[in-house]
PDB file of N, CA and C in Angstrom:
ATOM      1  N   UNK A   1      14.495 103.686  92.118  1.00  0.00           N
ATOM      2  CA  UNK A   1      13.709 104.471  91.080  1.00  0.00           C
ATOM      3  C   UNK A   1      14.268 104.564  89.644  1.00  0.00           C
ATOM      4  N   UNK A   2      13.410 104.645  88.705  1.00  0.00           N
ATOM      5  CA  UNK A   2      13.825 104.536  87.286  1.00  0.00           C
ATOM      6  C   UNK A   2      14.666 105.689  86.791  1.00  0.00           C
ATOM      7  N   UNK A   3      14.518 106.834  87.610  1.00  0.00           N
ATOM      8  CA  UNK A   3      15.261 107.952  87.295  1.00  0.00           C
ATOM      9  C   UNK A   3      16.691 107.924  87.652  1.00  0.00           C
ATOM     10  N   UNK A   4      17.555 108.107  86.572  1.00  0.00           N
ATOM     11  CA  UNK A   4      18.878 107.853  86.682  1.00  0.00           C
ATOM     12  C   UNK A   4      19.552 108.916  87.725  1.00  0.00           C
ATOM     13  N   UNK A   5      19.371 110.118  87.650  1.00  0.00           N
ATOM     14  CA  UNK A   5      19.901 111.060  88.468  1.00  0.00           C
ATOM     15  C   UNK A   5      19.417 111.029  89.883  1.00  0.00           C
ATOM     16  N   UNK A   6      18.250 110.794  90.164  1.00  0.00           N
ATOM     17  CA  UNK A   6      17.702 110.441  91.402  1.00  0.00           C
ATOM     18  C   UNK A   6      18.430 109.188  92.005  1.00  0.00           C
ATOM     19  N   UNK A   7      18.529 108.152  91.286  1.00  0.00           N
ATOM     20  CA  UNK A   7      19.227 106.731  91.693  1.00  0.00           C
ATOM     21  C   UNK A   7      20.629 107.051  92.069  1.00  0.00           C
ATOM     22  N   UNK A   8      21.367 107.984  91.331  1.00  0.00           N
ATOM     23  CA  UNK A   8      22.672 108.232  91.607  1.00  0.00           C
ATOM     24  C   UNK A   8      22.674 108.991  93.087  1.00  0.00           C
ATOM     25  N   UNK A   9      21.981 109.888  93.123  1.00  0.00           N
ATOM     26  CA  UNK A   9      21.858 110.760  94.445  1.00  0.00           C
ATOM     27  C   UNK A   9      21.658 109.748  95.550  1.00  0.00           C
ATOM     28  N   UNK A  10      20.705 108.770  95.385  1.00  0.00           N
ATOM     29  CA  UNK A  10      20.360 107.883  96.658  1.00  0.00           C
ATOM     30  C   UNK A  10      21.491 106.949  96.780  1.00  0.00           C
ATOM     31  N   UNK A  11      22.106 106.488  95.673  1.00  0.00           N
ATOM     32  CA  UNK A  11      23.322 105.628  95.971  1.00  0.00           C
ATOM     33  C   UNK A  11      24.510 106.651  96.545  1.00  0.00           C
ATOM     34  N   UNK A  12      24.696 107.673  96.352  1.00  0.00           N
ATOM     35  CA  UNK A  12      25.553 108.596  96.922  1.00  0.00           C
ATOM     36  C   UNK A  12      25.319 108.831  98.243  1.00  0.00           C
ATOM     37  N   UNK A  13      24.077 109.001  98.691  1.00  0.00           N
ATOM     38  CA  UNK A  13      23.586 109.233 100.099  1.00  0.00           C
ATOM     39  C   UNK A  13      24.004 107.805 100.862  1.00  0.00           C
ATOM     40  N   UNK A  14      23.548 106.744 100.284  1.00  0.00           N
ATOM     41  CA  UNK A  14      23.953 105.454 101.131  1.00  0.00           C
ATOM     42  C   UNK A  14      25.339 105.178 101.245  1.00  0.00           C
ATOM     43  N   UNK A  15      26.274 105.393 100.104  1.00  0.00           N
ATOM     44  CA  UNK A  15      27.732 105.188 100.398  1.00  0.00           C
ATOM     45  C   UNK A  15      28.349 106.203 101.176  1.00  0.00           C
ATOM     46  N   UNK A  16      27.777 107.412 101.255  1.00  0.00           N
ATOM     47  CA  UNK A  16      28.380 108.540 102.235  1.00  0.00           C
ATOM     48  C   UNK A  16      28.061 108.221 103.683  1.00  0.00           C
ATOM     49  N   UNK A  17      26.725 107.649 103.876  1.00  0.00           N
ATOM     50  CA  UNK A  17      26.549 107.307 105.285  1.00  0.00           C
ATOM     51  C   UNK A  17      27.425 106.009 105.731  1.00  0.00           C
ATOM     52  N   UNK A  18      27.651 105.174 104.721  1.00  0.00           N
ATOM     53  CA  UNK A  18      28.448 103.937 105.150  1.00  0.00           C
ATOM     54  C   UNK A  18      29.738 104.484 105.397  1.00  0.00           C
ATOM     55  N   UNK A  19      30.243 105.314 104.733  1.00  0.00           N
ATOM     56  CA  UNK A  19      31.735 105.745 104.881  1.00  0.00           C
ATOM     57  C   UNK A  19      31.713 106.479 106.262  1.00  0.00           C
ATOM     58  N   UNK A  20      30.791 107.322 106.552  1.00  0.00           N
ATOM     59  CA  UNK A  20      30.800 108.294 107.600  1.00  0.00           C
ATOM     60  C   UNK A  20      30.607 107.362 108.895  1.00  0.00           C
ATOM     61  N   UNK A  21      29.760 106.384 108.764  1.00  0.00           N
ATOM     62  CA  UNK A  21      29.616 105.687 110.030  1.00  0.00           C
ATOM     63  C   UNK A  21      30.558 104.459 110.326  1.00  0.00           C
ATOM     64  N   UNK A  22      31.498 104.226 109.434  1.00  0.00           N
ATOM     65  CA  UNK A  22      32.536 103.303 109.373  1.00  0.00           C
ATOM     66  C   UNK A  22      32.097 101.910 109.822  1.00  0.00           C
ATOM     67  N   UNK A  23      31.063 101.499 109.137  1.00  0.00           N
ATOM     68  CA  UNK A  23      30.327 100.232 109.465  1.00  0.00           C
ATOM     69  C   UNK A  23      31.246  99.206 108.976  1.00  0.00           C
ATOM     70  N   UNK A  24      32.333  99.177 108.104  1.00  0.00           N
ATOM     71  CA  UNK A  24      33.083  98.189 107.770  1.00  0.00           C
ATOM     72  C   UNK A  24      34.238  97.809 108.813  1.00  0.00           C
ATOM     73  N   UNK A  25      34.462  98.666 109.910  1.00  0.00           N
ATOM     74  CA  UNK A  25      35.490  98.480 110.858  1.00  0.00           C
ATOM     75  C   UNK A  25      34.796  97.609 112.158  1.00  0.00           C
ATOM     76  N   UNK A  26      35.133  96.512 112.279  1.00  0.00           N
ATOM     77  CA  UNK A  26      34.745  95.757 113.396  1.00  0.00           C
ATOM     78  C   UNK A  26      35.294  96.423 114.780  1.00  0.00           C
ATOM     79  N   UNK A  27      34.381  96.536 115.753  1.00  0.00           N
ATOM     80  CA  UNK A  27      34.785  96.932 116.980  1.00  0.00           C
ATOM     81  C   UNK A  27      35.242  95.810 117.940  1.00  0.00           C
ATOM     82  N   UNK A  28      34.535  94.623 117.944  1.00  0.00           N
ATOM     83  CA  UNK A  28      34.815  93.746 118.643  1.00  0.00           C
ATOM     84  C   UNK A  28      34.680  92.429 117.938  1.00  0.00           C
ATOM     85  N   UNK A  29      35.110  91.436 118.361  1.00  0.00           N
ATOM     86  CA  UNK A  29      34.986  89.976 117.856  1.00  0.00           C
ATOM     87  C   UNK A  29      34.892  88.858 118.898  1.00  0.00           C
ATOM     88  N   UNK A  30      34.292  87.938 118.569  1.00  0.00           N
ATOM     89  CA  UNK A  30      34.068  86.837 119.658  1.00  0.00           C
ATOM     90  C   UNK A  30      35.030  85.701 119.514  1.00  0.00           C
ATOM     91  N   UNK A  31      35.643  85.217 120.667  1.00  0.00           N
ATOM     92  CA  UNK A  31      36.271  84.118 120.749  1.00  0.00           C
ATOM     93  C   UNK A  31      35.736  82.869 121.307  1.00  0.00           C
ATOM     94  N   UNK A  32      36.054  81.631 120.666  1.00  0.00           N
ATOM     95  CA  UNK A  32      35.320  80.426 121.268  1.00  0.00           C
ATOM     96  C   UNK A  32      36.107  80.112 122.517  1.00  0.00           C
ATOM     97  N   UNK A  33      35.067  79.849 123.503  1.00  0.00           N
ATOM     98  CA  UNK A  33      35.621  79.481 124.731  1.00  0.00           C
ATOM     99  C   UNK A  33      35.050  78.071 124.972  1.00  0.00           C
ATOM    100  N   UNK A  34      36.097  77.457 126.053  1.00  0.00           N
ATOM    101  CA  UNK A  34      35.675  76.078 126.535  1.00  0.00           C
ATOM    102  C   UNK A  34      36.036  75.914 127.888  1.00  0.00           C
ATOM    103  N   UNK A  35      35.242  75.175 128.664  1.00  0.00           N
ATOM    104  CA  UNK A  35      35.341  74.762 130.100  1.00  0.00           C
ATOM    105  C   UNK A  35      35.559  73.426 130.073  1.00  0.00           C
ATOM    106  N   UNK A  36      36.458  72.973 131.053  1.00  0.00           N
ATOM    107  CA  UNK A  36      36.666  71.656 131.299  1.00  0.00           C
ATOM    108  C   UNK A  36      36.148  70.959 132.477  1.00  0.00           C
ATOM    109  N   UNK A  37      35.461  69.919 132.645  1.00  0.00           N
ATOM    110  CA  UNK A  37      35.263  69.111 133.752  1.00  0.00           C
ATOM    111  C   UNK A  37      35.342  67.711 133.690  1.00  0.00           C
ATOM    112  N   UNK A  38      36.236  66.972 134.463  1.00  0.00           N
ATOM    113  CA  UNK A  38      36.553  65.620 134.368  1.00  0.00           C
ATOM    114  C   UNK A  38      35.295  64.812 134.476  1.00  0.00           C
ATOM    115  N   UNK A  39      34.136  65.244 135.016  1.00  0.00           N
ATOM    116  CA  UNK A  39      33.104  64.608 135.307  1.00  0.00           C
ATOM    117  C   UNK A  39      32.145  64.518 133.912  1.00  0.00           C
ATOM    118  N   UNK A  40      32.583  65.295 132.898  1.00  0.00           N
ATOM    119  CA  UNK A  40      31.845  65.345 131.653  1.00  0.00           C
ATOM    120  C   UNK A  40      32.447  64.492 130.670  1.00  0.00           C
ATOM    121  N   UNK A  41      31.744  63.606 130.065  1.00  0.00           N
ATOM    122  CA  UNK A  41      32.335  62.627 129.092  1.00  0.00           C
ATOM    123  C   UNK A  41      31.742  62.782 127.839  1.00  0.00           C
ATOM    124  N   UNK A  42      32.411  62.332 126.781  1.00  0.00           N
ATOM    125  CA  UNK A  42      31.837  62.109 125.373  1.00  0.00           C
ATOM    126  C   UNK A  42      32.021  63.452 124.623  1.00  0.00           C
ATOM    127  N   UNK A  43      32.780  64.181 125.124  1.00  0.00           N
ATOM    128  CA  UNK A  43      33.077  65.535 124.648  1.00  0.00           C
ATOM    129  C   UNK A  43      33.849  65.550 123.186  1.00  0.00           C
ATOM    130  N   UNK A  44      33.197  65.793 122.023  1.00  0.00           N
ATOM    131  CA  UNK A  44      33.930  65.892 120.863  1.00  0.00           C
ATOM    132  C   UNK A  44      33.607  67.182 120.250  1.00  0.00           C
ATOM    133  N   UNK A  45      34.380  67.398 119.156  1.00  0.00           N
ATOM    134  CA  UNK A  45      34.240  68.724 118.315  1.00  0.00           C
ATOM    135  C   UNK A  45      33.903  68.430 116.938  1.00  0.00           C
ATOM    136  N   UNK A  46      32.939  69.253 116.201  1.00  0.00           N
ATOM    137  CA  UNK A  46      32.738  69.109 114.794  1.00  0.00           C
ATOM    138  C   UNK A  46      33.773  69.990 114.100  1.00  0.00           C
ATOM    139  N   UNK A  47      33.702  69.899 112.703  1.00  0.00           N
ATOM    140  CA  UNK A  47      34.507  70.848 111.947  1.00  0.00           C
ATOM    141  C   UNK A  47      34.070  72.340 112.133  1.00  0.00           C
ATOM    142  N   UNK A  48      32.883  72.588 112.383  1.00  0.00           N
ATOM    143  CA  UNK A  48      32.352  74.041 112.562  1.00  0.00           C
ATOM    144  C   UNK A  48      32.349  74.227 113.940  1.00  0.00           C
ATOM    145  N   UNK A  49      32.803  75.332 114.529  1.00  0.00           N
ATOM    146  CA  UNK A  49      32.916  75.862 116.003  1.00  0.00           C
ATOM    147  C   UNK A  49      31.238  76.171 116.343  1.00  0.00           C
ATOM    148  N   UNK A  50      30.377  76.277 115.395  1.00  0.00           N
ATOM    149  CA  UNK A  50      29.202  76.595 115.865  1.00  0.00           C
ATOM    150  C   UNK A  50      28.304  75.389 116.107  1.00  0.00           C
ATOM    151  N   UNK A  51      28.597  74.087 115.508  1.00  0.00           N
ATOM    152  CA  UNK A  51      27.950  73.030 115.792  1.00  0.00           C
ATOM    153  C   UNK A  51      28.528  72.234 117.082  1.00  0.00           C
ATOM    154  N   UNK A  52      28.083  72.014 118.071  1.00  0.00           N
ATOM    155  CA  UNK A  52      28.497  71.395 119.289  1.00  0.00           C
ATOM    156  C   UNK A  52      27.532  70.056 119.617  1.00  0.00           C
ATOM    157  N   UNK A  53      28.064  68.995 119.456  1.00  0.00           N
ATOM    158  CA  UNK A  53      27.351  67.890 119.647  1.00  0.00           C
ATOM    159  C   UNK A  53      27.017  67.446 121.118  1.00  0.00           C
ATOM    160  N   UNK A  54      25.941  68.174 121.681  1.00  0.00           N
ATOM    161  CA  UNK A  54      25.584  68.103 122.910  1.00  0.00           C
ATOM    162  C   UNK A  54      24.907  66.672 123.296  1.00  0.00           C
ATOM    163  N   UNK A  55      24.368  66.161 122.222  1.00  0.00           N
ATOM    164  CA  UNK A  55      23.734  64.750 122.383  1.00  0.00           C
ATOM    165  C   UNK A  55      24.881  63.556 122.748  1.00  0.00           C
ATOM    166  N   UNK A  56      25.997  63.862 122.351  1.00  0.00           N
ATOM    167  CA  UNK A  56      27.060  62.830 122.718  1.00  0.00           C
ATOM    168  C   UNK A  56      27.545  62.917 124.037  1.00  0.00           C
ATOM    169  N   UNK A  57      27.324  63.851 124.879  1.00  0.00           N
ATOM    170  CA  UNK A  57      28.082  64.373 126.059  1.00  0.00           C
ATOM    171  C   UNK A  57      27.062  63.817 127.305  1.00  0.00           C
ATOM    172  N   UNK A  58      27.577  63.373 128.391  1.00  0.00           N
ATOM    173  CA  UNK A  58      27.005  62.700 129.547  1.00  0.00           C
ATOM    174  C   UNK A  58      27.783  62.917 130.801  1.00  0.00           C
ATOM    175  N   UNK A  59      27.167  63.016 131.835  1.00  0.00           N
ATOM    176  CA  UNK A  59      27.965  63.293 133.111  1.00  0.00           C
ATOM    177  C   UNK A  59      28.181  61.860 133.776  1.00  0.00           C
ATOM    178  N   UNK A  60      29.393  61.709 134.219  1.00  0.00           N
ATOM    179  CA  UNK A  60      30.038  60.439 134.738  1.00  0.00           C
ATOM    180  C   UNK A  60      29.721  60.442 136.229  1.00  0.00           C
TER     181      UNK A  60
END
């Protein structure tokens, strides 16, 4: 809104809601998991934990 006072009120409402809901505090986080099998070959890892090169893997 172009109205300064109304915009201040809207920002206040947004920031109060964020503070009351504690959205900045994570309740959980995920851990990277791995499972091993001697029959699976070609397992490598990339610098990013989110990129897994499945195309290099094969079963022996």
